[in-house]
C-alpha atoms as a PDB file:
ATOM      1  CA  MET A   1       0.031  -0.107  -0.422  1.00  0.00           C
ATOM      2  CA  GLY A   2       2.778   2.315   0.641  1.00  0.00           C
ATOM      3  CA  THR A   3       4.336   2.372  -3.041  1.00  0.00           C
ATOM      4  CA  ASP A   4       0.817   2.482  -4.341  1.00  0.00           C
ATOM      5  CA  LEU A   5       0.498   6.251  -2.375  1.00  0.00           C
ATOM      6  CA  VAL A   6       4.167   6.818  -3.906  1.00  0.00           C
ATOM      7  CA  ILE A   7       3.248   5.904  -7.350  1.00  0.00           C
ATOM      8  CA  ALA A   8      -0.318   7.889  -7.595  1.00  0.00           C
ATOM      9  CA  SER A   9       1.540  11.106  -6.145  1.00  0.00           C
ATOM     10  CA  CYS A  10       4.471  10.669  -8.212  1.00  0.00           C
ATOM     11  CA  SER A  11       2.124  10.035 -11.111  1.00  0.00           C
ATOM     12  CA  LYS A  12      -0.081  13.126 -10.209  1.00  0.00           C
ATOM     13  CA  GLU A  13       3.702  15.272 -10.277  1.00  0.00           C
ATOM     14  CA  SER A  14       4.126  13.942 -13.461  1.00  0.00           C
ATOM     15  CA  LYS A  15       1.347  14.496 -15.060  1.00  0.00           C
ATOM     16  CA  GLN A  16       1.221  18.722 -13.568  1.00  0.00           C
ATOM     17  CA  ILE A  17       4.575  18.755 -15.126  1.00  0.00           C
ATOM     18  CA  GLY A  18       3.650  17.249 -18.246  1.00  0.00           C
ATOM     19  CA  MET A  19       1.086  19.829 -18.306  1.00  0.00           C
ATOM     20  CA  LYS A  20       3.206  22.675 -18.044  1.00  0.00           C
ATOM     21  CA  ASN A  21       5.440  21.330 -20.978  1.00  0.00           C
ATOM     22  CA  LEU A  22       2.782  20.240 -23.347  1.00  0.00           C
ATOM     23  CA  ILE A  23       1.428  24.658 -22.752  1.00  0.00           C
ATOM     24  CA  VAL A  24       5.271  25.990 -23.196  1.00  0.00           C
ATOM     25  CA  GLY A  25       5.998  23.663 -26.231  1.00  0.00           C
ATOM     26  CA  LEU A  26       2.109  24.870 -27.765  1.00  0.00           C
ATOM     27  CA  TRP A  27       2.975  28.546 -27.181  1.00  0.00           C
ATOM     28  CA  THR A  28       6.842  27.853 -28.594  1.00  0.00           C
ATOM     29  CA  MET A  29       5.761  26.294 -31.402  1.00  0.00           C
ATOM     30  CA  GLY A  30       3.207  28.967 -32.442  1.00  0.00           C
ATOM     31  CA  ALA A  31       5.691  31.917 -31.540  1.00  0.00           C
ATOM     32  CA  PHE A  32       8.383  30.227 -33.969  1.00  0.00           C
ATOM     33  CA  MET A  33       5.268  29.155 -36.608  1.00  0.00           C
ATOM     34  CA  PHE A  34       4.495  32.962 -37.025  1.00  0.00           C
ATOM     35  CA  LEU A  35       8.101  33.912 -37.689  1.00  0.00           C
ATOM     36  CA  GLY A  36       7.968  31.324 -39.895  1.00  0.00           C
ATOM     37  CA  PHE A  37       5.010  33.399 -41.830  1.00  0.00           C
ATOM     38  CA  VAL A  38       6.917  36.697 -41.302  1.00  0.00           C
ATOM     39  CA  LEU A  39       9.530  34.847 -43.346  1.00  0.00           C
ATOM     40  CA  VAL A  40       7.124  34.019 -45.955  1.00  0.00           C
ATOM     41  CA  TYR A  41       5.967  37.456 -46.113  1.00  0.00           C
ATOM     42  CA  LEU A  42       9.428  39.221 -46.023  1.00  0.00           C
ATOM     43  CA  ARG A  43      10.384  36.738 -49.161  1.00  0.00           C
ATOM     44  CA  ASP A  44       7.839  36.798 -51.549  1.00  0.00           C
ATOM     45  CA  PHE A  45       5.325  40.000 -50.191  1.00  0.00           C
ATOM     46  CA  ALA A  46       7.118  42.597 -49.008  1.00  0.00           C
ATOM     47  CA  PRO A  47       8.349  45.587 -51.065  1.00  0.00           C
ATOM     48  CA  ASN A  48      11.964  44.714 -50.837  1.00  0.00           C
ATOM     49  CA  ALA A  49      10.992  40.748 -51.267  1.00  0.00           C
ATOM     50  CA  ALA A  50      13.476  40.647 -54.147  1.00  0.00           C
ATOM     51  CA  GLU A  51      16.587  41.757 -52.077  1.00  0.00           C
ATOM     52  CA  TRP A  52      15.607  39.664 -49.319  1.00  0.00           C
ATOM     53  CA  ALA A  53      15.086  36.645 -51.475  1.00  0.00           C
ATOM     54  CA  ALA A  54      19.065  37.557 -53.224  1.00  0.00           C
ATOM     55  CA  GLN A  55      20.034  37.332 -49.854  1.00  0.00           C
ATOM     56  CA  TYR A  56      18.088  34.445 -48.083  1.00  0.00           C
ATOM     57  CA  GLY A  57      20.760  31.670 -47.632  1.00  0.00           C
ATOM     58  CA  ILE A  58      23.719  33.967 -45.989  1.00  0.00           C
ATOM     59  CA  GLY A  59      23.921  35.874 -42.538  1.00  0.00           C
ATOM     60  CA  LYS A  60      20.940  37.317 -40.611  1.00  0.00           C
ATOM     61  CA  HIS A  61      17.964  35.664 -43.436  1.00  0.00           C
ATOM     62  CA  PHE A  62      19.727  31.984 -42.810  1.00  0.00           C
ATOM     63  CA  GLU A  63      20.186  32.336 -39.501  1.00  0.00           C
ATOM     64  CA  THR A  64      16.426  33.867 -38.736  1.00  0.00           C
ATOM     65  CA  ARG A  65      15.249  30.388 -40.788  1.00  0.00           C
ATOM     66  CA  LEU A  66      17.275  28.786 -38.123  1.00  0.00           C
ATOM     67  CA  ALA A  67      16.098  30.174 -35.008  1.00  0.00           C
ATOM     68  CA  HIS A  68      12.072  29.609 -36.775  1.00  0.00           C
ATOM     69  CA  VAL A  69      13.176  25.873 -37.586  1.00  0.00           C
ATOM     70  CA  HIS A  70      14.281  25.067 -34.339  1.00  0.00           C
ATOM     71  CA  GLY A  71      12.024  26.581 -32.403  1.00  0.00           C
ATOM     72  CA  THR A  72       9.649  25.230 -33.639  1.00  0.00           C
ATOM     73  CA  LEU A  73      10.898  21.708 -33.174  1.00  0.00           C
ATOM     74  CA  PHE A  74      11.870  22.796 -29.978  1.00  0.00           C
ATOM     75  CA  GLY A  75       8.442  23.430 -29.138  1.00  0.00           C
ATOM     76  CA  PHE A  76       7.304  20.089 -30.729  1.00  0.00           C
ATOM     77  CA  LEU A  77       9.674  18.172 -28.749  1.00  0.00           C
ATOM     78  CA  ASN A  78       8.390  20.059 -25.602  1.00  0.00           C
ATOM     79  CA  ILE A  79       4.986  18.528 -26.398  1.00  0.00           C
ATOM     80  CA  VAL A  80       6.262  15.148 -27.125  1.00  0.00           C
ATOM     81  CA  ILE A  81       8.100  15.149 -23.813  1.00  0.00           C
ATOM     82  CA  GLY A  82       5.237  16.492 -21.974  1.00  0.00           C
ATOM     83  CA  PHE A  83       3.074  13.888 -22.940  1.00  0.00           C
ATOM     84  CA  LEU A  84       4.768  11.102 -22.492  1.00  0.00           C
ATOM     85  CA  LEU A  85       5.216  12.671 -19.210  1.00  0.00           C
ATOM     86  CA  TYR A  86       1.659  13.052 -18.026  1.00  0.00           C
ATOM     87  CA  GLN A  87       1.227   9.323 -19.553  1.00  0.00           C
ATOM     88  CA  LEU A  88       4.298   7.475 -18.653  1.00  0.00           C
ATOM     89  CA  PRO A  89       5.585   8.577 -15.399  1.00  0.00           C
ATOM     90  CA  VAL A  90       8.908   7.988 -13.918  1.00  0.00           C
ATOM     91  CA  CYS A  91      10.388   9.387 -10.298  1.00  0.00           C
ATOM     92  CA  ALA A  92       9.438  12.400  -9.700  1.00  0.00           C
ATOM     93  CA  ARG A  93      13.060  14.010  -9.083  1.00  0.00           C
ATOM     94  CA  GLY A  94      13.539  12.373 -12.682  1.00  0.00           C
ATOM     95  CA  THR A  95      10.429  13.734 -13.835  1.00  0.00           C
ATOM     96  CA  ARG A  96      11.220  17.081 -12.825  1.00  0.00           C
ATOM     97  CA  ILE A  97      14.866  17.289 -14.175  1.00  0.00           C
ATOM     98  CA  VAL A  98      13.979  16.054 -17.515  1.00  0.00           C
ATOM     99  CA  SER A  99      10.870  18.926 -17.879  1.00  0.00           C
ATOM    100  CA  TRP A 100      13.072  21.484 -16.945  1.00  0.00           C
ATOM    101  CA  LEU A 101      16.022  20.345 -19.275  1.00  0.00           C
ATOM    102  CA  SER A 102      13.395  20.126 -21.755  1.00  0.00           C
ATOM    103  CA  LEU A 103      12.315  23.809 -21.469  1.00  0.00           C
ATOM    104  CA  GLY A 104      15.977  24.576 -21.291  1.00  0.00           C
ATOM    105  CA  GLY A 105      16.288  23.523 -24.659  1.00  0.00           C
ATOM    106  CA  ILE A 106      14.046  26.638 -25.965  1.00  0.00           C
ATOM    107  CA  LEU A 107      17.266  28.862 -25.478  1.00  0.00           C
ATOM    108  CA  MET A 108      18.905  27.582 -28.518  1.00  0.00           C
ATOM    109  CA  PRO A 109      16.239  29.075 -30.639  1.00  0.00           C
ATOM    110  CA  VAL A 110      15.620  32.073 -28.647  1.00  0.00           C
ATOM    111  CA  GLY A 111      19.406  32.291 -28.350  1.00  0.00           C
ATOM    112  CA  ILE A 112      19.814  32.012 -32.023  1.00  0.00           C
ATOM    113  CA  LEU A 113      17.360  35.163 -32.214  1.00  0.00           C
ATOM    114  CA  GLY A 114      19.254  36.855 -29.920  1.00  0.00           C
ATOM    115  CA  GLU A 115      22.385  37.004 -31.745  1.00  0.00           C
ATOM    116  CA  VAL A 116      20.409  38.250 -34.724  1.00  0.00           C
ATOM    117  CA  VAL A 117      18.467  40.653 -33.332  1.00  0.00           C
ATOM    118  CA  LEU A 118      20.754  41.905 -30.322  1.00  0.00           C
ATOM    119  CA  GLY A 119      24.152  40.235 -31.523  1.00  0.00           C
ATOM    120  CA  SER A 120      24.023  38.374 -27.927  1.00  0.00           C
ATOM    121  CA  SER A 121      26.825  35.251 -27.372  1.00  0.00           C
ATOM    122  CA  PRO A 122      25.818  31.971 -29.000  1.00  0.00           C
ATOM    123  CA  ILE A 123      26.089  30.579 -25.255  1.00  0.00           C
ATOM    124  CA  PHE A 124      22.507  30.173 -24.974  1.00  0.00           C
ATOM    125  CA  VAL A 125      22.432  28.291 -28.410  1.00  0.00           C
ATOM    126  CA  LEU A 126      24.971  25.890 -26.827  1.00  0.00           C
ATOM    127  CA  LEU A 127      23.376  25.702 -23.317  1.00  0.00           C
ATOM    128  CA  GLY A 128      20.264  25.102 -25.184  1.00  0.00           C
ATOM    129  CA  ALA A 129      21.500  22.556 -26.826  1.00  0.00           C
ATOM    130  CA  VAL A 130      22.996  20.317 -24.692  1.00  0.00           C
ATOM    131  CA  SER A 131      19.936  21.127 -22.605  1.00  0.00           C
ATOM    132  CA  MET A 132      17.494  19.402 -24.947  1.00  0.00           C
ATOM    133  CA  THR A 133      20.249  16.424 -25.582  1.00  0.00           C
ATOM    134  CA  LEU A 134      20.544  15.808 -21.769  1.00  0.00           C
ATOM    135  CA  ALA A 135      15.983  15.954 -21.505  1.00  0.00           C
ATOM    136  CA  MET A 136      15.855  13.064 -24.496  1.00  0.00           C
ATOM    137  CA  VAL A 137      19.012  10.731 -23.201  1.00  0.00           C
ATOM    138  CA  LEU A 138      18.110  10.898 -19.167  1.00  0.00           C
ATOM    139  CA  TYR A 139      13.594  10.407 -19.981  1.00  0.00           C
ATOM    140  CA  GLY A 140      14.998   7.170 -22.105  1.00  0.00           C
ATOM    141  CA  VAL A 141      17.089   6.082 -19.547  1.00  0.00           C
ATOM    142  CA  ALA A 142      14.822   6.622 -17.000  1.00  0.00           C
ATOM    143  CA  LEU A 143      12.179   4.979 -19.053  1.00  0.00           C
ATOM    144  CA  PHE A 144      14.236   2.320 -18.980  1.00  0.00           C
ATOM    145  CA  LYS A 145      14.819   1.773 -15.780  1.00  0.00           C
ATOM    146  CA  HIS A 146      11.169   1.953 -14.736  1.00  0.00           C
ATOM    147  CA  ARG A 147      10.050  -0.404 -17.073  1.00  0.00           C
ATOM    148  CA  ASN A 148      13.154  -3.129 -15.953  1.00  0.00           C
ATOM    149  CA  GLY A 149      12.786  -1.839 -12.070  1.00  0.00           C
END
């Protein structure tokens, strides 16, 4: 009976944490999809569309596209992680770590945009990439242990 309570409370906390990742993932995905629509407008419909299209594959144009793609992808990954944490809970500590690392992954596309718009350091890009990678690996390990434990 004692273990049932631990699993039930772990499951409830995991569901709450999973929901957080789902919500942030949807918001992130929506924001970076909007950026994609802006990029299409600038390339095809803006007054200086020909100039934009000529420079589309280089410099800030390319980096902005990278931010759009990675932002949409990392938003989607947070949706997936949130759903999995909701459906396949692991221990409470592991759930929190995976959730925060997955959310930290959003630093990558935000960091790319920061470089383009503000000239900020690429450290956020690296931190986000490492964070998302660790989230995937650690959740895989946690599920493997949970399955066999």
